[in-house]
Amino acid sequence: MKKIFKITSTVSIVLFGILWLSSQFNFLTDYISTDVRNVLVLIYLLTSLKYFKLELKDKNAEIQHLKLKLKKKNN
């Protein structure tokens, strides 16, 4: 699940960059509006947020697991 969020955020920011560059060179500006770019930024922000929440959850679980192992070893 984390991988899907990571890929989605990466693809959306790359598409945003491509669309931004095309707008700077007036290429395909008739077909691409700023709304599409704004939606891509929102997708990037939301998927990145969800990815980092899941990553933090996994790291906290690993820390708790290592603390338990350390406590068992010390006893």
C-alpha atoms as a PDB file:
ATOM      1  CA  MET A   1       0.000   0.000   0.000  1.00  0.00           C
ATOM      2  CA  LYS A   2       2.871   2.365   0.818  1.00  0.00           C
ATOM      3  CA  LYS A   3       4.399   1.676  -2.556  1.00  0.00           C
ATOM      4  CA  ILE A   4       1.198   2.737  -4.333  1.00  0.00           C
ATOM      5  CA  PHE A   5       1.165   6.054  -2.459  1.00  0.00           C
ATOM      6  CA  LYS A   6       4.839   6.640  -3.215  1.00  0.00           C
ATOM      7  CA  ILE A   7       4.426   5.884  -6.926  1.00  0.00           C
ATOM      8  CA  THR A   8       1.295   8.035  -7.173  1.00  0.00           C
ATOM      9  CA  SER A   9       2.972  11.001  -5.515  1.00  0.00           C
ATOM     10  CA  THR A  10       6.038  10.680  -7.723  1.00  0.00           C
ATOM     11  CA  VAL A  11       3.998  10.401 -10.920  1.00  0.00           C
ATOM     12  CA  SER A  12       1.814  13.359 -10.006  1.00  0.00           C
ATOM     13  CA  ILE A  13       4.745  15.654  -9.268  1.00  0.00           C
ATOM     14  CA  VAL A  14       6.525  14.587 -12.471  1.00  0.00           C
ATOM     15  CA  LEU A  15       3.369  15.249 -14.491  1.00  0.00           C
ATOM     16  CA  PHE A  16       3.053  18.626 -12.800  1.00  0.00           C
ATOM     17  CA  GLY A  17       6.619  19.458 -13.809  1.00  0.00           C
ATOM     18  CA  ILE A  18       6.018  18.417 -17.396  1.00  0.00           C
ATOM     19  CA  LEU A  19       2.804  20.429 -17.598  1.00  0.00           C
ATOM     20  CA  TRP A  20       4.447  23.432 -15.986  1.00  0.00           C
ATOM     21  CA  LEU A  21       7.335  23.312 -18.459  1.00  0.00           C
ATOM     22  CA  SER A  22       4.938  22.960 -21.381  1.00  0.00           C
ATOM     23  CA  SER A  23       3.024  26.022 -20.165  1.00  0.00           C
ATOM     24  CA  GLN A  24       6.264  28.016 -19.944  1.00  0.00           C
ATOM     25  CA  PHE A  25       7.025  27.245 -23.593  1.00  0.00           C
ATOM     26  CA  ASN A  26       3.401  27.754 -24.703  1.00  0.00           C
ATOM     27  CA  PHE A  27       3.148  24.139 -25.801  1.00  0.00           C
ATOM     28  CA  LEU A  28      -0.320  22.549 -25.615  1.00  0.00           C
ATOM     29  CA  THR A  29      -1.628  25.449 -23.534  1.00  0.00           C
ATOM     30  CA  ASP A  30      -5.059  25.149 -25.164  1.00  0.00           C
ATOM     31  CA  TYR A  31      -5.562  21.684 -23.690  1.00  0.00           C
ATOM     32  CA  ILE A  32      -3.972  22.066 -20.273  1.00  0.00           C
ATOM     33  CA  SER A  33      -5.418  24.394 -17.678  1.00  0.00           C
ATOM     34  CA  THR A  34      -3.954  25.453 -14.366  1.00  0.00           C
ATOM     35  CA  ASP A  35      -6.725  23.498 -12.655  1.00  0.00           C
ATOM     36  CA  VAL A  36      -5.156  20.248 -13.825  1.00  0.00           C
ATOM     37  CA  ARG A  37      -1.812  21.292 -12.399  1.00  0.00           C
ATOM     38  CA  ASN A  38      -3.441  22.303  -9.119  1.00  0.00           C
ATOM     39  CA  VAL A  39      -5.158  18.927  -8.872  1.00  0.00           C
ATOM     40  CA  LEU A  40      -1.821  17.199  -9.474  1.00  0.00           C
ATOM     41  CA  VAL A  41      -0.262  19.199  -6.641  1.00  0.00           C
ATOM     42  CA  LEU A  42      -3.133  18.247  -4.335  1.00  0.00           C
ATOM     43  CA  ILE A  43      -2.742  14.589  -5.290  1.00  0.00           C
ATOM     44  CA  TYR A  44       0.966  14.843  -4.561  1.00  0.00           C
ATOM     45  CA  LEU A  45       0.392  16.452  -1.168  1.00  0.00           C
ATOM     46  CA  LEU A  46      -2.296  13.999  -0.070  1.00  0.00           C
ATOM     47  CA  THR A  47      -0.485  10.869  -1.208  1.00  0.00           C
ATOM     48  CA  SER A  48       2.797  12.047   0.293  1.00  0.00           C
ATOM     49  CA  LEU A  49       1.056  12.751   3.585  1.00  0.00           C
ATOM     50  CA  LYS A  50      -0.519   9.302   3.637  1.00  0.00           C
ATOM     51  CA  TYR A  51       2.801   7.669   2.664  1.00  0.00           C
ATOM     52  CA  PHE A  52       4.698   9.405   5.449  1.00  0.00           C
ATOM     53  CA  LYS A  53       1.983   8.520   7.974  1.00  0.00           C
ATOM     54  CA  LEU A  54       2.288   4.855   7.030  1.00  0.00           C
ATOM     55  CA  GLU A  55       6.086   5.084   7.129  1.00  0.00           C
ATOM     56  CA  LEU A  56       5.963   6.626  10.598  1.00  0.00           C
ATOM     57  CA  LYS A  57       3.594   3.921  11.789  1.00  0.00           C
ATOM     58  CA  ASP A  58       5.979   1.211  10.548  1.00  0.00           C
ATOM     59  CA  LYS A  59       8.969   2.898  12.159  1.00  0.00           C
ATOM     60  CA  ASN A  60       7.157   3.245  15.484  1.00  0.00           C
ATOM     61  CA  ALA A  61       6.198  -0.432  15.368  1.00  0.00           C
ATOM     62  CA  GLU A  62       9.824  -1.365  14.692  1.00  0.00           C
ATOM     63  CA  ILE A  63      11.024   0.812  17.586  1.00  0.00           C
ATOM     64  CA  GLN A  64       8.538  -0.840  19.936  1.00  0.00           C
ATOM     65  CA  HIS A  65       9.639  -4.275  18.742  1.00  0.00           C
ATOM     66  CA  LEU A  66      13.301  -3.433  19.330  1.00  0.00           C
ATOM     67  CA  LYS A  67      12.533  -1.990  22.773  1.00  0.00           C
ATOM     68  CA  LEU A  68      10.795  -5.237  23.733  1.00  0.00           C
ATOM     69  CA  LYS A  69      13.745  -7.281  22.493  1.00  0.00           C
ATOM     70  CA  LEU A  70      16.128  -5.069  24.463  1.00  0.00           C
ATOM     71  CA  LYS A  71      14.026  -5.360  27.596  1.00  0.00           C
ATOM     72  CA  LYS A  72      13.902  -9.163  27.295  1.00  0.00           C
ATOM     73  CA  LYS A  73      17.648  -9.317  26.749  1.00  0.00           C
ATOM     74  CA  ASN A  74      18.378  -7.160  29.804  1.00  0.00           C
ATOM     75  CA  ASN A  75      16.126  -9.248  32.064  1.00  0.00           C
END
